[in-house]
Amino acid sequence: MKPIAFIRASGSHLPPRVVDNHELSQSLDTSHEWIVRRTGIVKRHIAENHDTTSGLATIAAQKALDNAKISAHDIDLVVLATSSPDHGFPATAARVQAELGISKGTAFDVQAACAGFIFALQAANNMIRLGQASRALVIGSEIFSRLVDWQDRSTCILFGDGAGAVVLDSEYVEDTSFPSLKRGIVECTTRVDGTGYHKLFARSGLGDLHANSDIHKHGVFMNGASIFKAASSLMAEGVSSLINKHQIHIQDIDILIPHQANLRIITSMASSVGIPEKNIVVTVDKHANTSAASIPLAIDHAFNQKQLKKGQNVIITALGGGIAWGSALIKT
């Protein structure tokens, strides 16, 4: 018998303040129609001054615990993906652990930009499979609105704030292969190509050699055309690789949950692998790009809308700065 991890429940939290495209068009040279045509985004949630990344994460995690009908005392691992931590150190996950009253195990952050949740899921899944943890909270939480330059039309329209979380539980099974596995994380794959480092990055990191220069003080830099091409092709490659490796057909995938960066990227990627529109979870219109929170927010949304159900074959996939990307095959 071997331990496997499965998603027991999910939870999410979005800041109450909503900023739609019409509001942005009052301060930027843009319009609702232009933003929708280019990105598919209609609105985004923006954190208030008193909000923290750990605070959003804690609320989402508590909802996931409530939905799982378990106590924080049952958790022995917290892995939090974020590009907007509360502080340079310690880990924001440690603050979440304390706020929830978790008294055992370990907690740490993962930084892989928009692909961060899949990296965090892979770490938690591996630890459960190795017997190093039994129940985990895997969280994506971002206050990305504090990283962007709100005068830069090319980037600020893309992002929003929020948090999503899943509870990973464990059980022992005889056969961990697919399709024998009745439920569980079949496989997570992650990749990084560091030669794409400067195609997408946030300025003024704590260790940035140019952190004090005016050009590096604030904002997100993105080579839009290059990232669009990479996201469309590499996420599609990740989906196809999982399908081929586990010898299943595209028709066997019930739900695809891609990173919610841009609707055109989502439709281009899904079309190239042959997944029909009705099988794709889309929240980018409502949430914009919430970076590492994007996929767990979409997972919880899909569960709440009954689009995602128990017993389905699900693939999640994402790409972010690094360039980092990853995919996972999950039986819900």
C-alpha atoms as a PDB file:
ATOM      1  CA  MET A   1       0.000   0.000   0.000  1.00  0.00           C
ATOM      2  CA  LYS A   2       1.250   3.475  -0.912  1.00  0.00           C
ATOM      3  CA  PRO A   3       0.068   6.931   0.201  1.00  0.00           C
ATOM      4  CA  ILE A   4      -1.531   9.245  -2.349  1.00  0.00           C
ATOM      5  CA  ALA A   5      -2.840  12.793  -2.043  1.00  0.00           C
ATOM      6  CA  PHE A   6      -6.301  13.883  -3.139  1.00  0.00           C
ATOM      7  CA  ILE A   7      -8.188  17.184  -3.104  1.00  0.00           C
ATOM      8  CA  ARG A   8     -10.664  16.996  -0.255  1.00  0.00           C
ATOM      9  CA  ALA A   9     -12.069  20.537  -0.523  1.00  0.00           C
ATOM     10  CA  SER A  10     -11.369  24.056  -1.742  1.00  0.00           C
ATOM     11  CA  GLY A  11     -11.953  27.617  -0.612  1.00  0.00           C
ATOM     12  CA  SER A  12     -11.360  31.123  -1.899  1.00  0.00           C
ATOM     13  CA  HIS A  13     -11.492  34.781  -0.988  1.00  0.00           C
ATOM     14  CA  LEU A  14     -11.663  37.927  -3.094  1.00  0.00           C
ATOM     15  CA  PRO A  15     -11.339  41.472  -1.719  1.00  0.00           C
ATOM     16  CA  PRO A  16     -14.747  43.202  -1.782  1.00  0.00           C
ATOM     17  CA  ARG A  17     -13.579  46.151  -3.875  1.00  0.00           C
ATOM     18  CA  VAL A  18     -14.269  45.616  -7.586  1.00  0.00           C
ATOM     19  CA  VAL A  19     -12.627  47.747 -10.266  1.00  0.00           C
ATOM     20  CA  ASP A  20     -14.174  47.352 -13.694  1.00  0.00           C
ATOM     21  CA  ASN A  21     -12.815  48.432 -17.049  1.00  0.00           C
ATOM     22  CA  HIS A  22     -14.966  51.551 -17.127  1.00  0.00           C
ATOM     23  CA  GLU A  23     -13.318  52.801 -13.928  1.00  0.00           C
ATOM     24  CA  LEU A  24      -9.853  52.164 -15.346  1.00  0.00           C
ATOM     25  CA  SER A  25     -10.731  54.045 -18.539  1.00  0.00           C
ATOM     26  CA  GLN A  26     -11.228  57.195 -16.453  1.00  0.00           C
ATOM     27  CA  SER A  27      -7.527  57.351 -15.586  1.00  0.00           C
ATOM     28  CA  LEU A  28      -5.924  55.462 -18.479  1.00  0.00           C
ATOM     29  CA  ASP A  29      -5.948  55.828 -22.245  1.00  0.00           C
ATOM     30  CA  THR A  30      -8.094  52.738 -22.714  1.00  0.00           C
ATOM     31  CA  SER A  31     -11.686  51.565 -22.902  1.00  0.00           C
ATOM     32  CA  HIS A  32     -13.833  48.687 -21.739  1.00  0.00           C
ATOM     33  CA  GLU A  33     -14.119  47.434 -25.310  1.00  0.00           C
ATOM     34  CA  TRP A  34     -10.338  47.529 -25.914  1.00  0.00           C
ATOM     35  CA  ILE A  35      -9.553  45.608 -22.714  1.00  0.00           C
ATOM     36  CA  VAL A  36     -12.184  42.942 -23.397  1.00  0.00           C
ATOM     37  CA  ARG A  37     -11.043  42.521 -26.981  1.00  0.00           C
ATOM     38  CA  ARG A  38      -7.390  42.164 -26.005  1.00  0.00           C
ATOM     39  CA  THR A  39      -7.739  40.145 -22.796  1.00  0.00           C
ATOM     40  CA  GLY A  40     -11.307  39.028 -22.076  1.00  0.00           C
ATOM     41  CA  ILE A  41     -11.132  40.811 -18.700  1.00  0.00           C
ATOM     42  CA  VAL A  42     -14.202  42.717 -17.526  1.00  0.00           C
ATOM     43  CA  LYS A  43     -13.327  43.422 -13.889  1.00  0.00           C
ATOM     44  CA  ARG A  44     -10.877  42.615 -11.131  1.00  0.00           C
ATOM     45  CA  HIS A  45     -10.847  42.644  -7.307  1.00  0.00           C
ATOM     46  CA  ILE A  46      -8.405  45.027  -5.626  1.00  0.00           C
ATOM     47  CA  ALA A  47      -7.169  44.787  -2.046  1.00  0.00           C
ATOM     48  CA  GLU A  48      -7.619  47.641   0.426  1.00  0.00           C
ATOM     49  CA  ASN A  49      -4.661  49.259   2.184  1.00  0.00           C
ATOM     50  CA  HIS A  50      -5.208  47.171   5.309  1.00  0.00           C
ATOM     51  CA  ASP A  51      -5.280  43.860   3.432  1.00  0.00           C
ATOM     52  CA  THR A  52      -2.308  41.498   3.446  1.00  0.00           C
ATOM     53  CA  THR A  53      -1.410  38.500   1.329  1.00  0.00           C
ATOM     54  CA  SER A  54      -1.443  36.343   4.463  1.00  0.00           C
ATOM     55  CA  GLY A  55      -4.830  37.741   5.424  1.00  0.00           C
ATOM     56  CA  LEU A  56      -6.411  36.813   2.093  1.00  0.00           C
ATOM     57  CA  ALA A  57      -4.732  33.407   2.269  1.00  0.00           C
ATOM     58  CA  THR A  58      -5.967  32.751   5.798  1.00  0.00           C
ATOM     59  CA  ILE A  59      -9.591  33.444   4.868  1.00  0.00           C
ATOM     60  CA  ALA A  60      -9.402  31.212   1.780  1.00  0.00           C
ATOM     61  CA  ALA A  61      -7.692  28.451   3.771  1.00  0.00           C
ATOM     62  CA  GLN A  62     -10.274  28.591   6.563  1.00  0.00           C
ATOM     63  CA  LYS A  63     -13.073  28.252   3.995  1.00  0.00           C
ATOM     64  CA  ALA A  64     -11.312  25.217   2.541  1.00  0.00           C
ATOM     65  CA  LEU A  65     -11.032  23.692   6.017  1.00  0.00           C
ATOM     66  CA  ASP A  66     -14.726  24.381   6.668  1.00  0.00           C
ATOM     67  CA  ASN A  67     -15.681  22.778   3.347  1.00  0.00           C
ATOM     68  CA  ALA A  68     -13.474  19.786   4.175  1.00  0.00           C
ATOM     69  CA  LYS A  69     -15.133  19.570   7.615  1.00  0.00           C
ATOM     70  CA  ILE A  70     -11.813  19.270   9.372  1.00  0.00           C
ATOM     71  CA  SER A  71      -9.931  21.361  11.924  1.00  0.00           C
ATOM     72  CA  ALA A  72      -6.729  23.325  11.471  1.00  0.00           C
ATOM     73  CA  HIS A  73      -5.241  20.957  14.026  1.00  0.00           C
ATOM     74  CA  ASP A  74      -5.543  18.181  11.403  1.00  0.00           C
ATOM     75  CA  ILE A  75      -3.117  19.995   9.058  1.00  0.00           C
ATOM     76  CA  ASP A  76       0.609  19.293   9.194  1.00  0.00           C
ATOM     77  CA  LEU A  77       1.784  21.117   6.070  1.00  0.00           C
ATOM     78  CA  VAL A  78       1.145  24.585   4.619  1.00  0.00           C
ATOM     79  CA  VAL A  79       2.580  25.466   1.207  1.00  0.00           C
ATOM     80  CA  LEU A  80       1.802  28.958  -0.041  1.00  0.00           C
ATOM     81  CA  ALA A  81       2.523  30.179  -3.564  1.00  0.00           C
ATOM     82  CA  THR A  82       2.917  33.939  -3.920  1.00  0.00           C
ATOM     83  CA  SER A  83       4.891  36.643  -5.700  1.00  0.00           C
ATOM     84  CA  SER A  84       3.656  39.284  -3.239  1.00  0.00           C
ATOM     85  CA  PRO A  85       4.646  38.025   0.224  1.00  0.00           C
ATOM     86  CA  ASP A  86       3.939  40.013   3.371  1.00  0.00           C
ATOM     87  CA  HIS A  87       7.682  40.446   3.987  1.00  0.00           C
ATOM     88  CA  GLY A  88      10.975  39.396   2.440  1.00  0.00           C
ATOM     89  CA  PHE A  89      11.120  36.872   5.277  1.00  0.00           C
ATOM     90  CA  PRO A  90       9.882  34.884   7.087  1.00  0.00           C
ATOM     91  CA  ALA A  91       7.592  32.874   4.838  1.00  0.00           C
ATOM     92  CA  THR A  92       4.047  34.185   4.522  1.00  0.00           C
ATOM     93  CA  ALA A  93       2.959  30.565   5.002  1.00  0.00           C
ATOM     94  CA  ALA A  94       4.291  30.750   8.561  1.00  0.00           C
ATOM     95  CA  ARG A  95       1.967  33.662   9.302  1.00  0.00           C
ATOM     96  CA  VAL A  96      -0.982  31.769   7.836  1.00  0.00           C
ATOM     97  CA  GLN A  97      -0.052  28.731   9.919  1.00  0.00           C
ATOM     98  CA  ALA A  98      -0.075  30.871  13.075  1.00  0.00           C
ATOM     99  CA  GLU A  99      -3.315  32.666  12.209  1.00  0.00           C
ATOM    100  CA  LEU A 100      -5.096  29.349  11.678  1.00  0.00           C
ATOM    101  CA  GLY A 101      -3.697  27.883  14.876  1.00  0.00           C
ATOM    102  CA  ILE A 102      -1.872  25.016  13.182  1.00  0.00           C
ATOM    103  CA  SER A 103       0.507  23.644  15.795  1.00  0.00           C
ATOM    104  CA  LYS A 104       2.438  20.921  13.985  1.00  0.00           C
ATOM    105  CA  GLY A 105       4.337  20.188  10.824  1.00  0.00           C
ATOM    106  CA  THR A 106       5.985  22.719   8.538  1.00  0.00           C
ATOM    107  CA  ALA A 107       5.105  25.716   6.401  1.00  0.00           C
ATOM    108  CA  PHE A 108       6.924  27.402   3.524  1.00  0.00           C
ATOM    109  CA  ASP A 109       6.443  29.643   0.492  1.00  0.00           C
ATOM    110  CA  VAL A 110       6.932  28.816  -3.182  1.00  0.00           C
ATOM    111  CA  GLN A 111       7.750  31.507  -5.744  1.00  0.00           C
ATOM    112  CA  ALA A 112       7.157  30.554  -9.364  1.00  0.00           C
ATOM    113  CA  ALA A 113       5.047  33.556 -10.397  1.00  0.00           C
ATOM    114  CA  CYS A 114       1.812  32.600 -12.146  1.00  0.00           C
ATOM    115  CA  ALA A 115       2.775  28.919 -12.168  1.00  0.00           C
ATOM    116  CA  GLY A 116       3.372  28.957  -8.425  1.00  0.00           C
ATOM    117  CA  PHE A 117       0.300  27.009  -7.354  1.00  0.00           C
ATOM    118  CA  ILE A 118       1.300  23.994  -9.460  1.00  0.00           C
ATOM    119  CA  PHE A 119       4.820  24.090  -8.002  1.00  0.00           C
ATOM    120  CA  ALA A 120       3.283  24.263  -4.513  1.00  0.00           C
ATOM    121  CA  LEU A 121       0.907  21.404  -5.314  1.00  0.00           C
ATOM    122  CA  GLN A 122       3.802  19.303  -6.571  1.00  0.00           C
ATOM    123  CA  ALA A 123       5.779  19.917  -3.372  1.00  0.00           C
ATOM    124  CA  ALA A 124       2.845  19.012  -1.114  1.00  0.00           C
ATOM    125  CA  ASN A 125       1.933  15.971  -3.202  1.00  0.00           C
ATOM    126  CA  ASN A 126       5.507  14.679  -3.083  1.00  0.00           C
ATOM    127  CA  MET A 127       5.723  15.147   0.679  1.00  0.00           C
ATOM    128  CA  ILE A 128       2.484  13.230   1.215  1.00  0.00           C
ATOM    129  CA  ARG A 129       3.629  10.435  -1.091  1.00  0.00           C
ATOM    130  CA  LEU A 130       6.891  10.213   0.868  1.00  0.00           C
ATOM    131  CA  GLY A 131       5.005  10.012   4.157  1.00  0.00           C
ATOM    132  CA  GLN A 132       6.361  13.373   5.343  1.00  0.00           C
ATOM    133  CA  ALA A 133       2.870  14.877   5.739  1.00  0.00           C
ATOM    134  CA  SER A 134      -0.672  13.569   5.956  1.00  0.00           C
ATOM    135  CA  ARG A 135      -2.891  16.620   5.367  1.00  0.00           C
ATOM    136  CA  ALA A 136      -1.860  19.825   3.658  1.00  0.00           C
ATOM    137  CA  LEU A 137      -3.152  23.263   2.820  1.00  0.00           C
ATOM    138  CA  VAL A 138      -1.945  24.372  -0.604  1.00  0.00           C
ATOM    139  CA  ILE A 139      -2.638  28.054  -1.156  1.00  0.00           C
ATOM    140  CA  GLY A 140      -2.169  30.670  -3.843  1.00  0.00           C
ATOM    141  CA  SER A 141      -2.496  34.240  -2.600  1.00  0.00           C
ATOM    142  CA  GLU A 142      -1.598  37.527  -4.255  1.00  0.00           C
ATOM    143  CA  ILE A 143      -1.922  41.267  -3.850  1.00  0.00           C
ATOM    144  CA  PHE A 144      -0.528  41.918  -7.286  1.00  0.00           C
ATOM    145  CA  SER A 145      -2.084  45.381  -7.452  1.00  0.00           C
ATOM    146  CA  ARG A 146       0.843  46.602  -5.310  1.00  0.00           C
ATOM    147  CA  LEU A 147       3.416  45.351  -7.803  1.00  0.00           C
ATOM    148  CA  VAL A 148       2.067  46.968 -10.962  1.00  0.00           C
ATOM    149  CA  ASP A 149       2.525  50.513 -12.216  1.00  0.00           C
ATOM    150  CA  TRP A 150      -1.027  51.860 -12.450  1.00  0.00           C
ATOM    151  CA  GLN A 151       0.031  54.291 -15.168  1.00  0.00           C
ATOM    152  CA  ASP A 152       1.274  51.475 -17.409  1.00  0.00           C
ATOM    153  CA  ARG A 153      -1.730  50.521 -19.520  1.00  0.00           C
ATOM    154  CA  SER A 154      -0.011  47.477 -20.980  1.00  0.00           C
ATOM    155  CA  THR A 155       0.225  45.688 -17.624  1.00  0.00           C
ATOM    156  CA  CYS A 156      -2.020  47.203 -14.949  1.00  0.00           C
ATOM    157  CA  ILE A 157      -5.245  46.244 -16.719  1.00  0.00           C
ATOM    158  CA  LEU A 158      -4.262  42.576 -16.533  1.00  0.00           C
ATOM    159  CA  PHE A 159      -4.005  41.939 -12.818  1.00  0.00           C
ATOM    160  CA  GLY A 160      -6.165  41.525  -9.732  1.00  0.00           C
ATOM    161  CA  ASP A 161      -5.951  40.301  -6.150  1.00  0.00           C
ATOM    162  CA  GLY A 162      -7.310  37.239  -4.365  1.00  0.00           C
ATOM    163  CA  ALA A 163      -6.573  33.892  -2.774  1.00  0.00           C
ATOM    164  CA  GLY A 164      -7.563  30.277  -3.273  1.00  0.00           C
ATOM    165  CA  ALA A 165      -6.769  27.145  -1.299  1.00  0.00           C
ATOM    166  CA  VAL A 166      -7.216  23.400  -1.410  1.00  0.00           C
ATOM    167  CA  VAL A 167      -7.039  20.818   1.350  1.00  0.00           C
ATOM    168  CA  LEU A 168      -4.965  17.811   0.347  1.00  0.00           C
ATOM    169  CA  ASP A 169      -5.840  14.673   2.278  1.00  0.00           C
ATOM    170  CA  SER A 170      -4.124  11.304   2.046  1.00  0.00           C
ATOM    171  CA  GLU A 171      -5.074   7.676   1.825  1.00  0.00           C
ATOM    172  CA  TYR A 172      -3.292   4.394   1.157  1.00  0.00           C
ATOM    173  CA  VAL A 173      -3.962   2.534  -2.094  1.00  0.00           C
ATOM    174  CA  GLU A 174      -2.527  -0.531  -3.779  1.00  0.00           C
ATOM    175  CA  ASP A 175      -2.245   0.950  -7.274  1.00  0.00           C
ATOM    176  CA  THR A 176      -1.262   4.595  -7.788  1.00  0.00           C
ATOM    177  CA  SER A 177      -1.344   4.409 -11.588  1.00  0.00           C
ATOM    178  CA  PHE A 178      -3.950   5.989 -13.840  1.00  0.00           C
ATOM    179  CA  PRO A 179      -6.727   5.026 -14.524  1.00  0.00           C
ATOM    180  CA  SER A 180      -6.712   2.573 -11.600  1.00  0.00           C
ATOM    181  CA  LEU A 181      -6.624   5.478  -9.135  1.00  0.00           C
ATOM    182  CA  LYS A 182     -10.189   6.332  -8.074  1.00  0.00           C
ATOM    183  CA  ARG A 183      -9.178   9.771  -6.823  1.00  0.00           C
ATOM    184  CA  GLY A 184      -5.958  11.632  -6.261  1.00  0.00           C
ATOM    185  CA  ILE A 185      -3.167  13.621  -7.865  1.00  0.00           C
ATOM    186  CA  VAL A 186      -1.848  11.397 -10.614  1.00  0.00           C
ATOM    187  CA  GLU A 187       1.138  13.552 -11.534  1.00  0.00           C
ATOM    188  CA  CYS A 188       2.474  17.095 -11.348  1.00  0.00           C
ATOM    189  CA  THR A 189       5.126  18.253 -13.798  1.00  0.00           C
ATOM    190  CA  THR A 190       7.070  21.515 -13.597  1.00  0.00           C
ATOM    191  CA  ARG A 191       9.702  23.138 -15.770  1.00  0.00           C
ATOM    192  CA  VAL A 192      11.767  26.319 -15.796  1.00  0.00           C
ATOM    193  CA  ASP A 193      13.679  27.902 -18.665  1.00  0.00           C
ATOM    194  CA  GLY A 194      15.813  30.567 -17.040  1.00  0.00           C
ATOM    195  CA  THR A 195      16.844  32.027 -20.399  1.00  0.00           C
ATOM    196  CA  GLY A 196      13.394  33.672 -20.424  1.00  0.00           C
ATOM    197  CA  TYR A 197      14.018  35.402 -17.080  1.00  0.00           C
ATOM    198  CA  HIS A 198      13.768  38.966 -18.415  1.00  0.00           C
ATOM    199  CA  LYS A 199      10.656  38.419 -20.515  1.00  0.00           C
ATOM    200  CA  LEU A 200       8.419  38.848 -17.468  1.00  0.00           C
ATOM    201  CA  PHE A 201       9.502  40.204 -14.099  1.00  0.00           C
ATOM    202  CA  ALA A 202       8.586  42.552 -11.273  1.00  0.00           C
ATOM    203  CA  ARG A 203      11.045  45.383 -10.703  1.00  0.00           C
ATOM    204  CA  SER A 204      12.813  46.282  -7.446  1.00  0.00           C
ATOM    205  CA  GLY A 205      13.327  42.865  -5.915  1.00  0.00           C
ATOM    206  CA  LEU A 206      15.191  42.908  -2.611  1.00  0.00           C
ATOM    207  CA  GLY A 207      18.289  41.478  -4.271  1.00  0.00           C
ATOM    208  CA  ASP A 208      18.051  43.471  -7.499  1.00  0.00           C
ATOM    209  CA  LEU A 209      21.349  45.135  -8.356  1.00  0.00           C
ATOM    210  CA  HIS A 210      19.373  48.100  -9.775  1.00  0.00           C
ATOM    211  CA  ALA A 211      16.675  48.213  -7.093  1.00  0.00           C
ATOM    212  CA  ASN A 212      17.321  51.879  -6.270  1.00  0.00           C
ATOM    213  CA  SER A 213      17.366  53.186  -9.828  1.00  0.00           C
ATOM    214  CA  ASP A 214      14.283  54.992 -11.099  1.00  0.00           C
ATOM    215  CA  ILE A 215      13.615  52.534 -13.929  1.00  0.00           C
ATOM    216  CA  HIS A 216      13.544  49.580 -11.545  1.00  0.00           C
ATOM    217  CA  LYS A 217      11.611  51.106  -8.653  1.00  0.00           C
ATOM    218  CA  HIS A 218       8.134  49.866  -9.452  1.00  0.00           C
ATOM    219  CA  GLY A 219       6.058  47.961 -11.914  1.00  0.00           C
ATOM    220  CA  VAL A 220       5.884  44.763 -13.876  1.00  0.00           C
ATOM    221  CA  PHE A 221       7.752  44.377 -17.142  1.00  0.00           C
ATOM    222  CA  MET A 222       6.336  41.983 -19.712  1.00  0.00           C
ATOM    223  CA  ASN A 223       7.261  41.201 -23.275  1.00  0.00           C
ATOM    224  CA  GLY A 224       3.640  40.589 -24.197  1.00  0.00           C
ATOM    225  CA  ALA A 225       4.092  38.968 -27.599  1.00  0.00           C
ATOM    226  CA  SER A 226       6.776  36.597 -26.349  1.00  0.00           C
ATOM    227  CA  ILE A 227       4.817  35.583 -23.241  1.00  0.00           C
ATOM    228  CA  PHE A 228       1.636  35.077 -25.280  1.00  0.00           C
ATOM    229  CA  LYS A 229       3.455  32.702 -27.616  1.00  0.00           C
ATOM    230  CA  ALA A 230       5.185  30.845 -24.783  1.00  0.00           C
ATOM    231  CA  ALA A 231       2.006  30.478 -22.714  1.00  0.00           C
ATOM    232  CA  SER A 232      -0.055  29.184 -25.622  1.00  0.00           C
ATOM    233  CA  SER A 233       2.524  26.629 -26.733  1.00  0.00           C
ATOM    234  CA  LEU A 234       4.041  25.473 -23.424  1.00  0.00           C
ATOM    235  CA  MET A 235       0.742  25.020 -21.594  1.00  0.00           C
ATOM    236  CA  ALA A 236      -0.583  23.052 -24.566  1.00  0.00           C
ATOM    237  CA  GLU A 237       2.614  20.992 -24.542  1.00  0.00           C
ATOM    238  CA  GLY A 238       2.140  20.276 -20.842  1.00  0.00           C
ATOM    239  CA  VAL A 239      -1.432  19.077 -21.350  1.00  0.00           C
ATOM    240  CA  SER A 240      -0.489  16.881 -24.313  1.00  0.00           C
ATOM    241  CA  SER A 241       2.478  15.429 -22.446  1.00  0.00           C
ATOM    242  CA  LEU A 242       0.311  14.259 -19.534  1.00  0.00           C
ATOM    243  CA  ILE A 243      -2.284  12.781 -21.885  1.00  0.00           C
ATOM    244  CA  ASN A 244       0.327  10.907 -23.887  1.00  0.00           C
ATOM    245  CA  LYS A 245       2.294   9.691 -20.876  1.00  0.00           C
ATOM    246  CA  HIS A 246      -0.763   8.204 -19.183  1.00  0.00           C
ATOM    247  CA  GLN A 247      -2.134   6.813 -22.450  1.00  0.00           C
ATOM    248  CA  ILE A 248      -5.506   8.512 -22.337  1.00  0.00           C
ATOM    249  CA  HIS A 249      -7.500  10.351 -24.962  1.00  0.00           C
ATOM    250  CA  ILE A 250      -8.342  14.029 -24.989  1.00  0.00           C
ATOM    251  CA  GLN A 251     -12.001  12.982 -24.727  1.00  0.00           C
ATOM    252  CA  ASP A 252     -11.200  11.453 -21.330  1.00  0.00           C
ATOM    253  CA  ILE A 253     -10.402  14.887 -19.871  1.00  0.00           C
ATOM    254  CA  ASP A 254     -13.575  16.208 -18.275  1.00  0.00           C
ATOM    255  CA  ILE A 255     -12.280  19.607 -17.191  1.00  0.00           C
ATOM    256  CA  LEU A 256      -9.324  21.821 -18.108  1.00  0.00           C
ATOM    257  CA  ILE A 257      -8.400  24.559 -15.635  1.00  0.00           C
ATOM    258  CA  PRO A 258      -5.751  26.813 -17.186  1.00  0.00           C
ATOM    259  CA  HIS A 259      -4.013  29.796 -15.644  1.00  0.00           C
ATOM    260  CA  GLN A 260      -6.331  32.767 -16.069  1.00  0.00           C
ATOM    261  CA  ALA A 261      -4.040  35.302 -17.714  1.00  0.00           C
ATOM    262  CA  ASN A 262      -5.770  36.171 -20.959  1.00  0.00           C
ATOM    263  CA  LEU A 263      -8.817  34.712 -22.667  1.00  0.00           C
ATOM    264  CA  ARG A 264      -7.066  34.632 -26.035  1.00  0.00           C
ATOM    265  CA  ILE A 265      -4.261  32.524 -24.569  1.00  0.00           C
ATOM    266  CA  ILE A 266      -6.784  30.150 -23.011  1.00  0.00           C
ATOM    267  CA  THR A 267      -8.760  29.654 -26.229  1.00  0.00           C
ATOM    268  CA  SER A 268      -5.626  29.323 -28.373  1.00  0.00           C
ATOM    269  CA  MET A 269      -4.110  26.712 -26.053  1.00  0.00           C
ATOM    270  CA  ALA A 270      -7.338  24.726 -25.673  1.00  0.00           C
ATOM    271  CA  SER A 271      -7.948  24.743 -29.410  1.00  0.00           C
ATOM    272  CA  SER A 272      -4.474  23.386 -30.136  1.00  0.00           C
ATOM    273  CA  VAL A 273      -5.002  20.372 -27.852  1.00  0.00           C
ATOM    274  CA  GLY A 274      -8.616  19.819 -28.901  1.00  0.00           C
ATOM    275  CA  ILE A 275     -10.476  20.436 -25.630  1.00  0.00           C
ATOM    276  CA  PRO A 276     -13.981  21.854 -26.242  1.00  0.00           C
ATOM    277  CA  GLU A 277     -14.933  25.227 -24.782  1.00  0.00           C
ATOM    278  CA  LYS A 278     -17.618  23.734 -22.527  1.00  0.00           C
ATOM    279  CA  ASN A 279     -14.939  21.727 -20.685  1.00  0.00           C
ATOM    280  CA  ILE A 280     -12.773  24.753 -19.842  1.00  0.00           C
ATOM    281  CA  VAL A 281     -13.061  26.712 -16.597  1.00  0.00           C
ATOM    282  CA  VAL A 282     -12.836  30.450 -17.290  1.00  0.00           C
ATOM    283  CA  THR A 283     -12.725  33.100 -14.567  1.00  0.00           C
ATOM    284  CA  VAL A 284     -10.401  35.666 -16.147  1.00  0.00           C
ATOM    285  CA  ASP A 285     -13.366  37.870 -17.049  1.00  0.00           C
ATOM    286  CA  LYS A 286     -14.329  38.179 -13.361  1.00  0.00           C
ATOM    287  CA  HIS A 287     -10.966  37.984 -11.578  1.00  0.00           C
ATOM    288  CA  ALA A 288      -8.357  39.114 -14.147  1.00  0.00           C
ATOM    289  CA  ASN A 289      -4.898  37.591 -13.692  1.00  0.00           C
ATOM    290  CA  THR A 290      -4.367  36.814 -10.003  1.00  0.00           C
ATOM    291  CA  SER A 291      -1.002  35.126 -10.623  1.00  0.00           C
ATOM    292  CA  ALA A 292      -0.455  32.194  -8.222  1.00  0.00           C
ATOM    293  CA  ALA A 293      -4.026  32.535  -6.923  1.00  0.00           C
ATOM    294  CA  SER A 294      -5.491  32.086 -10.399  1.00  0.00           C
ATOM    295  CA  ILE A 295      -5.847  28.290 -10.504  1.00  0.00           C
ATOM    296  CA  PRO A 296      -7.060  27.684  -6.921  1.00  0.00           C
ATOM    297  CA  LEU A 297      -9.596  30.502  -7.362  1.00  0.00           C
ATOM    298  CA  ALA A 298     -10.773  28.812 -10.564  1.00  0.00           C
ATOM    299  CA  ILE A 299     -10.916  25.407  -8.851  1.00  0.00           C
ATOM    300  CA  ASP A 300     -13.139  26.750  -6.076  1.00  0.00           C
ATOM    301  CA  HIS A 301     -15.305  28.641  -8.561  1.00  0.00           C
ATOM    302  CA  ALA A 302     -15.760  25.481 -10.618  1.00  0.00           C
ATOM    303  CA  PHE A 303     -16.732  23.435  -7.548  1.00  0.00           C
ATOM    304  CA  ASN A 304     -19.221  26.102  -6.468  1.00  0.00           C
ATOM    305  CA  GLN A 305     -20.761  26.265  -9.964  1.00  0.00           C
ATOM    306  CA  LYS A 306     -21.007  22.447 -10.140  1.00  0.00           C
ATOM    307  CA  GLN A 307     -18.778  22.488 -13.212  1.00  0.00           C
ATOM    308  CA  LEU A 308     -16.191  20.520 -11.266  1.00  0.00           C
ATOM    309  CA  LYS A 309     -17.461  17.360  -9.570  1.00  0.00           C
ATOM    310  CA  LYS A 310     -16.161  14.305  -7.837  1.00  0.00           C
ATOM    311  CA  GLY A 311     -14.866  11.534 -10.091  1.00  0.00           C
ATOM    312  CA  GLN A 312     -13.723  13.728 -12.989  1.00  0.00           C
ATOM    313  CA  ASN A 313     -10.421  13.724 -14.853  1.00  0.00           C
ATOM    314  CA  VAL A 314      -8.969  17.223 -14.551  1.00  0.00           C
ATOM    315  CA  ILE A 315      -5.868  18.892 -15.932  1.00  0.00           C
ATOM    316  CA  ILE A 316      -4.530  22.171 -14.570  1.00  0.00           C
ATOM    317  CA  THR A 317      -1.821  24.083 -16.384  1.00  0.00           C
ATOM    318  CA  ALA A 318      -0.034  27.410 -15.980  1.00  0.00           C
ATOM    319  CA  LEU A 319       2.891  29.518 -17.132  1.00  0.00           C
ATOM    320  CA  GLY A 320       4.561  32.441 -15.424  1.00  0.00           C
ATOM    321  CA  GLY A 321       7.746  34.423 -15.142  1.00  0.00           C
ATOM    322  CA  GLY A 322      10.938  32.465 -14.950  1.00  0.00           C
ATOM    323  CA  ILE A 323       9.901  31.258 -17.456  1.00  0.00           C
ATOM    324  CA  ALA A 324       8.211  28.674 -15.247  1.00  0.00           C
ATOM    325  CA  TRP A 325       5.423  26.367 -16.282  1.00  0.00           C
ATOM    326  CA  GLY A 326       3.682  23.252 -15.075  1.00  0.00           C
ATOM    327  CA  SER A 327       0.692  20.958 -15.395  1.00  0.00           C
ATOM    328  CA  ALA A 328      -1.048  18.369 -13.253  1.00  0.00           C
ATOM    329  CA  LEU A 329      -3.409  15.476 -13.913  1.00  0.00           C
ATOM    330  CA  ILE A 330      -5.925  15.035 -11.111  1.00  0.00           C
ATOM    331  CA  LYS A 331      -8.777  12.653 -10.418  1.00  0.00           C
ATOM    332  CA  THR A 332     -11.246  14.579  -8.263  1.00  0.00           C
END
